[in-house]
Amino acid sequence: MTELVIQGIGGRMGRVLCEMIAQRDDCKVVAGIDLHDGEQDGIPVFSSPAGLAGRGDVIIDFSSPAAVEALLPYCEAHKTPVVLCTTGLSDELNLKIVQLSRSVPVFKSANMSLGINLLAELCKRASAILGMAYDVEIVEQHHHNKLDSPSGTALMLADAVNEQAGGAYHYVYDRSAVRQKRDPLELGISSVRGGSIVGDHEVLFCGPDEVITLKHTAYSRSVFANGAINAALYLANKEPGLYNMSDLIAER
């Protein structure tokens, strides 16, 4: 049985994770990290990674960039594998994550949904077939409490298209400051924040007289929680390195 620690256990995703893990027989939650020491449904919760004192086989993180930064030294000291699901990380913090992966197994994905990662592969395929003759626009929608914009998933999808195009595109997030014709090498990314939208991502390939749309809609947070749990189980026996959903999918 794989013992899991959840950073951000008191948040929306943390609670969904606890509910889903409680229904499984291959893993269990042994501790959590959140803002204050205490207990949640019989699970000990600590305000700092130091309180864990080595508990857990893998840590799943759904928190904040600041909490991620505080977690990395603990993972390094205890050689604890970690699944990082938090988005909006700085370039500096991403570099620290890469450095950590040289001595600790790290799983990092902007989106833990299997469907979204399939969508990224479909975006690459569409980009390869349609080429630069089609304008690419991405529209992402999330609930009004989401802090980062655009979403990490939207950037992941943009990167998938851009990688296939040899890095030719530059990303445009707001056209209100300029009055000019669309640059053919633009890749537009638009954000919507409202209500309780869990996550909606739409990639449009707009060509002469036709539009091809690839879309994914998440109706509950369970799709992300399930992916994170599977990633943790996958990571438990891995050698140090930086892993993502493509690695997990390849072993299915």
Protein backbone atom coordinates (compact mmCIF):
# COMPACT_ATOMS: atom_id res chain seq x y z
CA MET A 1 0.00 0.00 0.00
CA THR A 2 1.43 3.37 -1.07
CA GLU A 3 1.29 6.01 1.66
CA LEU A 4 0.48 9.48 0.36
CA VAL A 5 0.88 13.01 1.73
CA ILE A 6 -1.25 15.80 0.28
CA GLN A 7 0.02 19.37 0.25
CA GLY A 8 -3.03 21.63 0.10
CA ILE A 9 -5.18 19.03 1.81
CA GLY A 10 -7.73 21.62 2.98
CA GLY A 11 -8.34 23.03 -0.50
CA ARG A 12 -10.87 21.93 -3.11
CA MET A 13 -8.53 19.49 -4.80
CA GLY A 14 -7.15 18.24 -1.50
CA ARG A 15 -10.61 17.27 -0.30
CA VAL A 16 -11.47 15.57 -3.59
CA LEU A 17 -8.21 13.62 -3.39
CA CYS A 18 -8.99 12.42 0.13
CA GLU A 19 -12.47 11.28 -0.92
CA MET A 20 -11.18 9.36 -3.94
CA ILE A 21 -8.22 7.79 -2.13
CA ALA A 22 -10.53 6.59 0.66
CA GLN A 23 -12.30 4.44 -1.94
CA ARG A 24 -9.11 2.71 -3.09
CA ASP A 25 -7.22 -0.22 -1.61
CA ASP A 26 -3.81 0.46 -3.19
CA CYS A 27 -3.02 3.71 -1.38
CA LYS A 28 -3.97 5.82 1.64
CA VAL A 29 -3.44 9.36 2.94
CA VAL A 30 -1.18 9.41 6.00
CA ALA A 31 -0.69 13.17 6.40
CA GLY A 32 -1.40 16.57 4.93
CA ILE A 33 0.21 19.99 4.68
CA ASP A 34 -1.86 23.18 4.87
CA LEU A 35 -1.88 26.62 6.47
CA HIS A 36 -2.38 25.45 10.06
CA ASP A 37 -1.51 22.44 12.21
CA GLY A 38 -4.47 20.26 13.04
CA GLU A 39 -6.44 17.30 11.81
CA GLN A 40 -8.78 16.65 8.88
CA ASP A 41 -11.03 13.59 9.01
CA GLY A 42 -8.56 11.85 11.28
CA ILE A 43 -5.55 12.75 9.11
CA PRO A 44 -2.77 14.77 10.80
CA VAL A 45 -2.15 18.13 9.10
CA PHE A 46 1.03 20.19 9.44
CA SER A 47 1.69 23.82 8.58
CA SER A 48 5.18 23.01 7.33
CA PRO A 49 6.74 20.06 5.47
CA ALA A 50 9.12 19.68 8.43
CA GLY A 51 6.21 18.37 10.53
CA LEU A 52 5.97 15.29 8.30
CA ALA A 53 9.22 13.92 9.74
CA GLY A 54 9.61 11.48 6.87
CA ARG A 55 5.98 10.33 6.63
CA GLY A 56 4.69 9.11 3.29
CA ASP A 57 6.03 7.41 0.18
CA VAL A 58 4.94 10.18 -2.24
CA ILE A 59 3.71 13.76 -1.83
CA ILE A 60 0.91 15.11 -4.07
CA ASP A 61 0.91 18.89 -4.32
CA PHE A 62 -2.12 21.03 -5.17
CA SER A 63 -1.20 24.28 -3.44
CA SER A 64 0.54 27.52 -4.42
CA PRO A 65 3.92 28.50 -5.89
CA ALA A 66 5.14 29.64 -2.46
CA ALA A 67 4.16 26.31 -0.91
CA VAL A 68 5.89 24.42 -3.72
CA GLU A 69 9.09 26.35 -3.12
CA ALA A 70 8.95 25.51 0.59
CA LEU A 71 8.38 21.82 -0.20
CA LEU A 72 11.35 21.26 -2.50
CA PRO A 73 14.10 21.33 0.18
CA TYR A 74 12.15 18.78 2.25
CA CYS A 75 11.84 16.43 -0.73
CA GLU A 76 15.55 16.82 -1.39
CA ALA A 77 16.50 16.08 2.23
CA HIS A 78 14.21 13.04 2.57
CA LYS A 79 14.42 11.85 -1.07
CA THR A 80 10.63 11.86 -1.17
CA PRO A 81 9.05 11.63 -4.65
CA VAL A 82 6.61 14.42 -5.43
CA VAL A 83 3.75 14.98 -7.87
CA LEU A 84 3.54 18.70 -8.64
CA CYS A 85 0.12 19.85 -9.91
CA THR A 86 0.35 23.54 -9.00
CA THR A 87 0.46 25.95 -11.95
CA GLY A 88 1.66 29.54 -12.32
CA LEU A 89 5.24 28.67 -11.31
CA SER A 90 8.02 31.12 -12.13
CA ASP A 91 10.94 30.26 -14.41
CA GLU A 92 13.21 30.36 -11.37
CA LEU A 93 11.05 27.86 -9.49
CA ASN A 94 10.80 25.59 -12.52
CA LEU A 95 14.59 25.55 -12.65
CA LYS A 96 14.70 24.47 -8.98
CA ILE A 97 12.27 21.65 -9.83
CA VAL A 98 14.55 20.46 -12.62
CA GLN A 99 17.48 20.53 -10.21
CA LEU A 100 15.50 18.51 -7.65
CA SER A 101 14.66 15.87 -10.27
CA ARG A 102 18.34 14.99 -10.56
CA SER A 103 18.19 13.34 -7.14
CA VAL A 104 14.45 12.75 -6.54
CA PRO A 105 11.64 11.40 -8.77
CA VAL A 106 9.44 14.37 -9.74
CA PHE A 107 6.19 14.20 -11.71
CA LYS A 108 5.07 17.54 -13.13
CA SER A 109 2.14 18.34 -15.37
CA ALA A 110 0.10 21.48 -15.99
CA ASN A 111 -2.98 19.26 -16.11
CA MET A 112 -3.43 15.81 -14.63
CA SER A 113 -6.36 14.82 -16.86
CA LEU A 114 -5.72 11.99 -19.30
CA GLY A 115 -8.15 13.66 -21.71
CA ILE A 116 -6.28 16.96 -21.71
CA ASN A 117 -2.99 15.22 -22.42
CA LEU A 118 -4.66 13.38 -25.31
CA LEU A 119 -5.87 16.80 -26.53
CA ALA A 120 -2.27 18.05 -26.49
CA GLU A 121 -1.24 15.14 -28.72
CA LEU A 122 -4.15 15.89 -31.07
CA CYS A 123 -3.02 19.53 -31.23
CA LYS A 124 0.42 18.42 -32.34
CA ARG A 125 -1.14 16.23 -35.02
CA ALA A 126 -3.41 19.02 -36.25
CA SER A 127 -0.51 21.46 -36.37
CA ALA A 128 1.56 18.99 -38.38
CA ILE A 129 -1.21 18.45 -40.94
CA LEU A 130 -2.59 22.00 -41.23
CA GLY A 131 0.71 23.85 -41.03
CA MET A 132 1.07 27.61 -40.76
CA ALA A 133 -1.83 28.32 -43.15
CA TYR A 134 -4.27 28.09 -40.22
CA ASP A 135 -4.43 30.70 -37.46
CA VAL A 136 -4.39 29.15 -33.98
CA GLU A 137 -6.42 30.53 -31.08
CA ILE A 138 -6.91 29.04 -27.61
CA VAL A 139 -9.80 29.95 -25.30
CA GLU A 140 -9.70 28.72 -21.70
CA GLN A 141 -12.43 29.08 -19.08
CA HIS A 142 -12.18 28.58 -15.31
CA HIS A 143 -13.99 29.48 -12.08
CA HIS A 144 -13.73 32.98 -10.63
CA ASN A 145 -11.35 31.89 -7.85
CA LYS A 146 -8.53 30.81 -10.17
CA LEU A 147 -5.51 33.05 -9.64
CA ASP A 148 -3.26 32.49 -12.67
CA SER A 149 -4.11 33.55 -16.20
CA PRO A 150 -3.75 32.11 -18.74
CA SER A 151 -4.07 28.65 -17.27
CA GLY A 152 -1.08 26.36 -17.20
CA THR A 153 -3.07 23.97 -19.37
CA ALA A 154 -3.64 26.62 -22.04
CA LEU A 155 0.10 27.24 -22.13
CA MET A 156 0.72 23.49 -22.32
CA LEU A 157 -1.58 23.24 -25.35
CA ALA A 158 0.06 26.29 -26.95
CA ASP A 159 3.47 24.74 -26.40
CA ALA A 160 2.29 21.51 -28.04
CA VAL A 161 1.25 23.40 -31.18
CA ASN A 162 4.38 25.57 -31.14
CA GLU A 163 6.70 22.61 -30.67
CA GLN A 164 5.27 21.00 -33.80
CA ALA A 165 5.73 24.31 -35.64
CA GLY A 166 9.39 24.51 -34.69
CA GLY A 167 8.83 27.34 -32.21
CA ALA A 168 7.62 29.74 -34.92
CA TYR A 169 4.72 31.20 -32.92
CA HIS A 170 4.74 33.97 -30.35
CA TYR A 171 1.94 34.10 -27.79
CA VAL A 172 -0.49 37.02 -27.59
CA TYR A 173 -2.71 37.39 -24.53
CA ASP A 174 -4.34 40.78 -25.14
CA ARG A 175 -4.92 42.74 -28.34
CA SER A 176 -6.59 45.76 -26.76
CA ALA A 177 -3.40 47.83 -26.64
CA VAL A 178 -2.73 47.66 -30.37
CA ARG A 179 -4.73 48.32 -33.50
CA GLN A 180 -3.25 46.21 -36.26
CA LYS A 181 -3.86 43.20 -38.46
CA ARG A 182 -3.26 39.81 -36.87
CA ASP A 183 0.32 38.60 -37.30
CA PRO A 184 0.28 35.14 -39.00
CA LEU A 185 2.77 33.96 -36.38
CA GLU A 186 0.55 34.94 -33.45
CA LEU A 187 -0.92 32.24 -31.24
CA GLY A 188 -3.74 33.91 -29.34
CA ILE A 189 -4.67 32.81 -25.82
CA SER A 190 -7.84 34.17 -24.20
CA SER A 191 -9.04 33.64 -20.62
CA VAL A 192 -12.52 33.60 -19.12
CA ARG A 193 -13.07 33.64 -15.35
CA GLY A 194 -16.55 33.11 -13.99
CA GLY A 195 -18.84 31.12 -11.75
CA SER A 196 -17.85 27.58 -10.90
CA ILE A 197 -16.41 26.49 -14.27
CA VAL A 198 -14.08 23.58 -13.49
CA GLY A 199 -12.07 23.81 -16.69
CA ASP A 200 -12.80 24.28 -20.38
CA HIS A 201 -10.14 24.44 -23.10
CA GLU A 202 -10.81 25.04 -26.78
CA VAL A 203 -8.16 25.10 -29.52
CA LEU A 204 -9.26 26.62 -32.83
CA PHE A 205 -7.41 26.12 -36.11
CA CYS A 206 -8.91 28.85 -38.30
CA GLY A 207 -8.27 28.48 -42.02
CA PRO A 208 -9.76 29.60 -45.32
CA ASP A 209 -13.52 28.92 -45.16
CA GLU A 210 -13.29 26.44 -42.27
CA VAL A 211 -12.51 26.15 -38.58
CA ILE A 212 -11.35 22.96 -36.87
CA THR A 213 -12.04 22.96 -33.13
CA LEU A 214 -10.49 20.63 -30.54
CA LYS A 215 -12.08 20.90 -27.12
CA HIS A 216 -11.96 19.41 -23.64
CA THR A 217 -14.42 20.11 -20.84
CA ALA A 218 -13.92 18.95 -17.26
CA TYR A 219 -17.20 18.54 -15.38
CA SER A 220 -15.66 17.74 -11.99
CA ARG A 221 -12.30 17.92 -10.25
CA SER A 222 -12.25 14.14 -9.96
CA VAL A 223 -10.58 13.83 -13.39
CA PHE A 224 -7.58 15.79 -12.07
CA ALA A 225 -7.54 13.94 -8.75
CA ASN A 226 -7.62 10.55 -10.44
CA GLY A 227 -4.69 11.53 -12.67
CA ALA A 228 -2.69 12.77 -9.67
CA ILE A 229 -3.28 9.54 -7.75
CA ASN A 230 -2.21 7.43 -10.72
CA ALA A 231 0.86 9.64 -11.13
CA ALA A 232 1.79 9.12 -7.46
CA LEU A 233 1.50 5.34 -7.74
CA TYR A 234 3.53 5.46 -10.95
CA LEU A 235 6.23 7.57 -9.29
CA ALA A 236 6.56 5.50 -6.11
CA ASN A 237 9.15 3.09 -7.52
CA LYS A 238 10.84 5.31 -10.10
CA GLU A 239 14.44 6.41 -10.27
CA PRO A 240 15.22 10.15 -9.95
CA GLY A 241 14.09 12.12 -12.98
CA LEU A 242 11.46 14.52 -14.29
CA TYR A 243 8.34 12.67 -15.43
CA ASN A 244 5.06 13.81 -17.02
CA MET A 245 1.77 12.42 -18.29
CA SER A 246 3.33 11.30 -21.57
CA ASP A 247 5.59 8.95 -19.57
CA LEU A 248 2.63 7.57 -17.63
CA ILE A 249 0.53 7.12 -20.78
CA ALA A 250 3.40 5.31 -22.51
CA GLU A 251 3.32 2.62 -19.81
CA ARG A 252 -0.44 2.04 -19.94
